[in-house]
Amino acid sequence: ALSDRIAIMNGGDVVQVGSPLALYERPATDFVA
């Protein structure tokens, strides 16, 4: 709801960065999805 971009973190790593729509529609990993 808030973000221009989101950086998703897991285990100390940034695993994907993008707009909310891009991350929701095209996740890079099944964790992000």
All heavy atoms as atom14 arrays in JSON, in Angstrom:
{
  "sequence": "ALSDRIAIMNGGDVVQVGSPLALYERPATDFVA",
  "atom14_mask": [
    [1, 1, 1, 1, 1, 0, 0, 0, 0, 0, 0, 0, 0, 0],
    [1, 1, 1, 1, 1, 1, 1, 1, 0, 0, 0, 0, 0, 0],
    [1, 1, 1, 1, 1, 1, 0, 0, 0, 0, 0, 0, 0, 0],
    [1, 1, 1, 1, 1, 1, 1, 1, 0, 0, 0, 0, 0, 0],
    [1, 1, 1, 1, 1, 1, 1, 1, 1, 1, 1, 0, 0, 0],
    [1, 1, 1, 1, 1, 1, 1, 1, 0, 0, 0, 0, 0, 0],
    [1, 1, 1, 1, 1, 0, 0, 0, 0, 0, 0, 0, 0, 0],
    [1, 1, 1, 1, 1, 1, 1, 1, 0, 0, 0, 0, 0, 0],
    [1, 1, 1, 1, 1, 1, 1, 1, 0, 0, 0, 0, 0, 0],
    [1, 1, 1, 1, 1, 1, 1, 1, 0, 0, 0, 0, 0, 0],
    [1, 1, 1, 1, 0, 0, 0, 0, 0, 0, 0, 0, 0, 0],
    [1, 1, 1, 1, 0, 0, 0, 0, 0, 0, 0, 0, 0, 0],
    [1, 1, 1, 1, 1, 1, 1, 1, 0, 0, 0, 0, 0, 0],
    [1, 1, 1, 1, 1, 1, 1, 0, 0, 0, 0, 0, 0, 0],
    [1, 1, 1, 1, 1, 1, 1, 0, 0, 0, 0, 0, 0, 0],
    [1, 1, 1, 1, 1, 1, 1, 1, 1, 0, 0, 0, 0, 0],
    [1, 1, 1, 1, 1, 1, 1, 0, 0, 0, 0, 0, 0, 0],
    [1, 1, 1, 1, 0, 0, 0, 0, 0, 0, 0, 0, 0, 0],
    [1, 1, 1, 1, 1, 1, 0, 0, 0, 0, 0, 0, 0, 0],
    [1, 1, 1, 1, 1, 1, 1, 0, 0, 0, 0, 0, 0, 0],
    [1, 1, 1, 1, 1, 1, 1, 1, 0, 0, 0, 0, 0, 0],
    [1, 1, 1, 1, 1, 0, 0, 0, 0, 0, 0, 0, 0, 0],
    [1, 1, 1, 1, 1, 1, 1, 1, 0, 0, 0, 0, 0, 0],
    [1, 1, 1, 1, 1, 1, 1, 1, 1, 1, 1, 1, 0, 0],
    [1, 1, 1, 1, 1, 1, 1, 1, 1, 0, 0, 0, 0, 0],
    [1, 1, 1, 1, 1, 1, 1, 1, 1, 1, 1, 0, 0, 0],
    [1, 1, 1, 1, 1, 1, 1, 0, 0, 0, 0, 0, 0, 0],
    [1, 1, 1, 1, 1, 0, 0, 0, 0, 0, 0, 0, 0, 0],
    [1, 1, 1, 1, 1, 1, 1, 0, 0, 0, 0, 0, 0, 0],
    [1, 1, 1, 1, 1, 1, 1, 1, 0, 0, 0, 0, 0, 0],
    [1, 1, 1, 1, 1, 1, 1, 1, 1, 1, 1, 0, 0, 0],
    [1, 1, 1, 1, 1, 1, 1, 0, 0, 0, 0, 0, 0, 0],
    [1, 1, 1, 1, 1, 0, 0, 0, 0, 0, 0, 0, 0, 0]
  ],
  "atom14_positions": [
    [[0.81, -1.22, 0.0], [0.0, 0.0, 0.0], [0.84, 1.27, 0.0], [0.44, 2.28, -0.59], [-0.93, 0.0, 1.22], [0.0, 0.0, 0.0], [0.0, 0.0, 0.0], [0.0, 0.0, 0.0], [0.0, 0.0, 0.0], [0.0, 0.0, 0.0], [0.0, 0.0, 0.0], [0.0, 0.0, 0.0], [0.0, 0.0, 0.0], [0.0, 0.0, 0.0]],
    [[2.01, 1.24, 0.63], [2.78, 2.47, 0.87], [3.89, 2.74, -0.14], [4.21, 3.88, -0.41], [3.41, 2.42, 2.26], [2.47, 2.56, 3.46], [3.24, 2.31, 4.75], [1.83, 3.94, 3.48], [0.0, 0.0, 0.0], [0.0, 0.0, 0.0], [0.0, 0.0, 0.0], [0.0, 0.0, 0.0], [0.0, 0.0, 0.0], [0.0, 0.0, 0.0]],
    [[4.48, 1.7, -0.69], [5.82, 1.83, -1.28], [5.84, 2.23, -2.75], [4.99, 1.81, -3.53], [6.55, 0.49, -1.14], [6.45, -0.03, 0.17], [0.0, 0.0, 0.0], [0.0, 0.0, 0.0], [0.0, 0.0, 0.0], [0.0, 0.0, 0.0], [0.0, 0.0, 0.0], [0.0, 0.0, 0.0], [0.0, 0.0, 0.0], [0.0, 0.0, 0.0]],
    [[6.87, 3.01, -3.1], [7.25, 3.17, -4.5], [8.02, 1.93, -4.94], [7.82, 1.42, -6.04], [8.11, 4.42, -4.7], [7.36, 5.69, -4.38], [6.17, 5.78, -4.73], [7.96, 6.59, -3.76], [0.0, 0.0, 0.0], [0.0, 0.0, 0.0], [0.0, 0.0, 0.0], [0.0, 0.0, 0.0], [0.0, 0.0, 0.0], [0.0, 0.0, 0.0]],
    [[8.93, 1.49, -4.08], [9.66, 0.24, -4.32], [9.78, -0.53, -3.01], [9.75, 0.06, -1.93], [11.07, 0.51, -4.87], [11.11, 0.99, -6.31], [12.53, 1.02, -6.86], [13.4, 1.86, -6.04], [14.65, 1.53, -5.71], [15.18, 0.39, -6.09], [15.37, 2.36, -4.98], [0.0, 0.0, 0.0], [0.0, 0.0, 0.0], [0.0, 0.0, 0.0]],
    [[9.93, -1.85, -3.14], [10.09, -2.73, -1.99], [11.38, -3.51, -2.17], [11.65, -4.03, -3.26], [8.91, -3.7, -1.86], [7.58, -2.94, -1.68], [9.12, -4.67, -0.69], [6.35, -3.84, -1.77], [0.0, 0.0, 0.0], [0.0, 0.0, 0.0], [0.0, 0.0, 0.0], [0.0, 0.0, 0.0], [0.0, 0.0, 0.0], [0.0, 0.0, 0.0]],
    [[12.18, -3.59, -1.09], [13.34, -4.47, -1.06], [13.02, -5.62, -0.12], [12.85, -5.41, 1.08], [14.58, -3.71, -0.58], [0.0, 0.0, 0.0], [0.0, 0.0, 0.0], [0.0, 0.0, 0.0], [0.0, 0.0, 0.0], [0.0, 0.0, 0.0], [0.0, 0.0, 0.0], [0.0, 0.0, 0.0], [0.0, 0.0, 0.0], [0.0, 0.0, 0.0]],
    [[12.89, -6.81, -0.68], [12.55, -7.98, 0.14], [13.83, -8.61, 0.66], [14.76, -8.91, -0.1], [11.73, -8.99, -0.67], [10.4, -8.35, -1.07], [11.5, -10.27, 0.12], [9.45, -9.28, -1.78], [0.0, 0.0, 0.0], [0.0, 0.0, 0.0], [0.0, 0.0, 0.0], [0.0, 0.0, 0.0], [0.0, 0.0, 0.0], [0.0, 0.0, 0.0]],
    [[13.87, -8.81, 2.0], [15.06, -9.35, 2.65], [14.75, -10.72, 3.25], [13.64, -10.99, 3.7], [15.56, -8.4, 3.74], [15.98, -7.04, 3.25], [16.85, -6.05, 4.51], [18.41, -6.97, 4.64], [0.0, 0.0, 0.0], [0.0, 0.0, 0.0], [0.0, 0.0, 0.0], [0.0, 0.0, 0.0], [0.0, 0.0, 0.0], [0.0, 0.0, 0.0]],
    [[15.78, -11.57, 3.24], [15.67, -12.88, 3.87], [17.06, -13.34, 4.25], [17.98, -13.33, 3.42], [15.03, -13.88, 2.91], [14.72, -15.2, 3.58], [14.35, -15.24, 4.75], [14.86, -16.3, 2.84], [0.0, 0.0, 0.0], [0.0, 0.0, 0.0], [0.0, 0.0, 0.0], [0.0, 0.0, 0.0], [0.0, 0.0, 0.0], [0.0, 0.0, 0.0]],
    [[17.24, -13.7, 5.51], [18.53, -14.2, 5.97], [19.67, -13.22, 5.8], [20.82, -13.61, 5.57], [0.0, 0.0, 0.0], [0.0, 0.0, 0.0], [0.0, 0.0, 0.0], [0.0, 0.0, 0.0], [0.0, 0.0, 0.0], [0.0, 0.0, 0.0], [0.0, 0.0, 0.0], [0.0, 0.0, 0.0], [0.0, 0.0, 0.0], [0.0, 0.0, 0.0]],
    [[19.38, -11.91, 5.92], [20.41, -10.89, 5.79], [20.67, -10.43, 4.37], [21.44, -9.49, 4.15], [0.0, 0.0, 0.0], [0.0, 0.0, 0.0], [0.0, 0.0, 0.0], [0.0, 0.0, 0.0], [0.0, 0.0, 0.0], [0.0, 0.0, 0.0], [0.0, 0.0, 0.0], [0.0, 0.0, 0.0], [0.0, 0.0, 0.0], [0.0, 0.0, 0.0]],
    [[20.03, -11.06, 3.39], [20.23, -10.71, 1.98], [19.03, -9.94, 1.44], [17.89, -10.19, 1.85], [20.41, -11.96, 1.12], [21.63, -12.77, 1.51], [22.69, -12.16, 1.69], [21.52, -14.01, 1.63], [0.0, 0.0, 0.0], [0.0, 0.0, 0.0], [0.0, 0.0, 0.0], [0.0, 0.0, 0.0], [0.0, 0.0, 0.0], [0.0, 0.0, 0.0]],
    [[19.28, -9.05, 0.49], [18.21, -8.47, -0.31], [18.01, -9.39, -1.5], [18.89, -9.54, -2.35], [18.55, -7.04, -0.77], [17.52, -6.55, -1.8], [18.58, -6.08, 0.41], [0.0, 0.0, 0.0], [0.0, 0.0, 0.0], [0.0, 0.0, 0.0], [0.0, 0.0, 0.0], [0.0, 0.0, 0.0], [0.0, 0.0, 0.0], [0.0, 0.0, 0.0]],
    [[16.85, -10.05, -1.57], [16.64, -11.07, -2.59], [15.97, -10.52, -3.85], [16.11, -11.1, -4.93], [15.83, -12.26, -2.03], [16.64, -12.99, -0.98], [14.5, -11.82, -1.45], [0.0, 0.0, 0.0], [0.0, 0.0, 0.0], [0.0, 0.0, 0.0], [0.0, 0.0, 0.0], [0.0, 0.0, 0.0], [0.0, 0.0, 0.0], [0.0, 0.0, 0.0]],
    [[15.24, -9.4, -3.73], [14.66, -8.77, -4.91], [14.21, -7.37, -4.56], [13.72, -7.12, -3.45], [13.48, -9.58, -5.46], [13.01, -9.11, -6.84], [11.91, -9.98, -7.43], [11.48, -10.96, -6.82], [11.44, -9.64, -8.62], [0.0, 0.0, 0.0], [0.0, 0.0, 0.0], [0.0, 0.0, 0.0], [0.0, 0.0, 0.0], [0.0, 0.0, 0.0]],
    [[14.37, -6.46, -5.51], [13.94, -5.06, -5.34], [13.1, -4.69, -6.56], [13.45, -5.0, -7.69], [15.14, -4.1, -5.24], [14.65, -2.67, -5.02], [16.08, -4.52, -4.12], [0.0, 0.0, 0.0], [0.0, 0.0, 0.0], [0.0, 0.0, 0.0], [0.0, 0.0, 0.0], [0.0, 0.0, 0.0], [0.0, 0.0, 0.0], [0.0, 0.0, 0.0]],
    [[11.97, -4.03, -6.31], [11.15, -3.59, -7.43], [9.89, -2.9, -6.94], [9.65, -2.77, -5.73], [0.0, 0.0, 0.0], [0.0, 0.0, 0.0], [0.0, 0.0, 0.0], [0.0, 0.0, 0.0], [0.0, 0.0, 0.0], [0.0, 0.0, 0.0], [0.0, 0.0, 0.0], [0.0, 0.0, 0.0], [0.0, 0.0, 0.0], [0.0, 0.0, 0.0]],
    [[9.08, -2.45, -7.89], [7.79, -1.84, -7.53], [6.87, -2.92, -6.96], [7.06, -4.12, -7.23], [7.15, -1.22, -8.76], [6.72, -2.23, -9.66], [0.0, 0.0, 0.0], [0.0, 0.0, 0.0], [0.0, 0.0, 0.0], [0.0, 0.0, 0.0], [0.0, 0.0, 0.0], [0.0, 0.0, 0.0], [0.0, 0.0, 0.0], [0.0, 0.0, 0.0]],
    [[5.87, -2.53, -6.16], [4.93, -3.54, -5.64], [4.32, -4.4, -6.74], [4.22, -5.62, -6.6], [3.89, -2.69, -4.92], [4.63, -1.47, -4.48], [5.6, -1.2, -5.6], [0.0, 0.0, 0.0], [0.0, 0.0, 0.0], [0.0, 0.0, 0.0], [0.0, 0.0, 0.0], [0.0, 0.0, 0.0], [0.0, 0.0, 0.0], [0.0, 0.0, 0.0]],
    [[3.92, -3.77, -7.85], [3.3, -4.52, -8.93], [4.28, -5.5, -9.56], [3.94, -6.66, -9.82], [2.76, -3.56, -9.99], [2.06, -4.2, -11.19], [0.85, -5.01, -10.74], [1.65, -3.14, -12.21], [0.0, 0.0, 0.0], [0.0, 0.0, 0.0], [0.0, 0.0, 0.0], [0.0, 0.0, 0.0], [0.0, 0.0, 0.0], [0.0, 0.0, 0.0]],
    [[5.51, -5.06, -9.8], [6.5, -5.93, -10.43], [6.82, -7.14, -9.55], [6.94, -8.26, -10.04], [7.77, -5.14, -10.73], [0.0, 0.0, 0.0], [0.0, 0.0, 0.0], [0.0, 0.0, 0.0], [0.0, 0.0, 0.0], [0.0, 0.0, 0.0], [0.0, 0.0, 0.0], [0.0, 0.0, 0.0], [0.0, 0.0, 0.0], [0.0, 0.0, 0.0]],
    [[6.97, -6.9, -8.24], [7.29, -8.01, -7.35], [6.12, -8.99, -7.24], [6.33, -10.21, -7.16], [7.65, -7.48, -5.96], [8.92, -6.65, -5.86], [9.18, -6.25, -4.41], [10.13, -7.4, -6.39], [0.0, 0.0, 0.0], [0.0, 0.0, 0.0], [0.0, 0.0, 0.0], [0.0, 0.0, 0.0], [0.0, 0.0, 0.0], [0.0, 0.0, 0.0]],
    [[4.91, -8.46, -7.2], [3.74, -9.32, -7.07], [3.52, -10.15, -8.34], [3.2, -11.34, -8.27], [2.51, -8.46, -6.79], [1.29, -9.24, -6.35], [1.14, -9.65, -5.03], [0.28, -9.57, -7.26], [0.02, -10.36, -4.61], [-0.84, -10.28, -6.86], [-0.96, -10.68, -5.54], [-2.07, -11.39, -5.14], [0.0, 0.0, 0.0], [0.0, 0.0, 0.0]],
    [[3.72, -9.51, -9.49], [3.46, -10.2, -10.76], [4.64, -11.05, -11.23], [4.44, -12.08, -11.86], [3.12, -9.16, -11.84], [1.76, -8.53, -11.67], [0.63, -9.5, -11.96], [0.42, -9.82, -13.13], [-0.02, -9.95, -10.99], [0.0, 0.0, 0.0], [0.0, 0.0, 0.0], [0.0, 0.0, 0.0], [0.0, 0.0, 0.0], [0.0, 0.0, 0.0]],
    [[5.87, -10.6, -10.94], [7.05, -11.3, -11.44], [8.06, -11.55, -10.33], [9.18, -11.02, -10.34], [7.71, -10.5, -12.57], [6.87, -10.42, -13.84], [6.86, -11.76, -14.56], [5.94, -11.75, -15.71], [5.72, -12.8, -16.48], [6.35, -13.94, -16.23], [4.87, -12.74, -17.48], [0.0, 0.0, 0.0], [0.0, 0.0, 0.0], [0.0, 0.0, 0.0]],
    [[7.71, -12.36, -9.35], [8.68, -12.65, -8.28], [9.87, -13.42, -8.83], [9.72, -14.28, -9.71], [7.86, -13.51, -7.3], [6.79, -14.12, -8.14], [6.44, -13.1, -9.19], [0.0, 0.0, 0.0], [0.0, 0.0, 0.0], [0.0, 0.0, 0.0], [0.0, 0.0, 0.0], [0.0, 0.0, 0.0], [0.0, 0.0, 0.0], [0.0, 0.0, 0.0]],
    [[11.05, -13.13, -8.29], [12.26, -13.79, -8.77], [12.43, -15.19, -8.19], [13.11, -16.03, -8.78], [13.49, -12.94, -8.43], [0.0, 0.0, 0.0], [0.0, 0.0, 0.0], [0.0, 0.0, 0.0], [0.0, 0.0, 0.0], [0.0, 0.0, 0.0], [0.0, 0.0, 0.0], [0.0, 0.0, 0.0], [0.0, 0.0, 0.0], [0.0, 0.0, 0.0]],
    [[11.86, -15.44, -7.02], [11.99, -16.73, -6.37], [10.64, -17.13, -5.77], [9.75, -16.3, -5.6], [13.03, -16.69, -5.23], [12.54, -15.85, -4.17], [14.38, -16.17, -5.72], [0.0, 0.0, 0.0], [0.0, 0.0, 0.0], [0.0, 0.0, 0.0], [0.0, 0.0, 0.0], [0.0, 0.0, 0.0], [0.0, 0.0, 0.0], [0.0, 0.0, 0.0]],
    [[10.52, -18.41, -5.44], [9.28, -18.85, -4.81], [9.15, -18.27, -3.4], [8.03, -18.11, -2.9], [9.18, -20.38, -4.79], [10.38, -21.05, -4.15], [11.42, -20.4, -3.97], [10.3, -22.25, -3.84], [0.0, 0.0, 0.0], [0.0, 0.0, 0.0], [0.0, 0.0, 0.0], [0.0, 0.0, 0.0], [0.0, 0.0, 0.0], [0.0, 0.0, 0.0]],
    [[10.28, -17.92, -2.76], [10.19, -17.25, -1.46], [9.51, -15.89, -1.61], [8.61, -15.54, -0.83], [11.58, -17.05, -0.84], [11.57, -16.12, 0.36], [11.15, -16.58, 1.6], [11.93, -14.79, 0.23], [11.09, -15.73, 2.69], [11.88, -13.93, 1.32], [11.47, -14.4, 2.55], [0.0, 0.0, 0.0], [0.0, 0.0, 0.0], [0.0, 0.0, 0.0]],
    [[9.91, -15.11, -2.61], [9.3, -13.8, -2.84], [7.82, -13.97, -3.16], [6.97, -13.25, -2.63], [10.02, -13.05, -3.97], [9.29, -11.75, -4.31], [11.46, -12.74, -3.56], [0.0, 0.0, 0.0], [0.0, 0.0, 0.0], [0.0, 0.0, 0.0], [0.0, 0.0, 0.0], [0.0, 0.0, 0.0], [0.0, 0.0, 0.0], [0.0, 0.0, 0.0]],
    [[7.5, -14.93, -4.01], [6.11, -15.16, -4.37], [5.27, -15.49, -3.15], [4.17, -14.97, -2.97], [6.02, -16.3, -5.39], [0.0, 0.0, 0.0], [0.0, 0.0, 0.0], [0.0, 0.0, 0.0], [0.0, 0.0, 0.0], [0.0, 0.0, 0.0], [0.0, 0.0, 0.0], [0.0, 0.0, 0.0], [0.0, 0.0, 0.0], [0.0, 0.0, 0.0]]
  ]
}
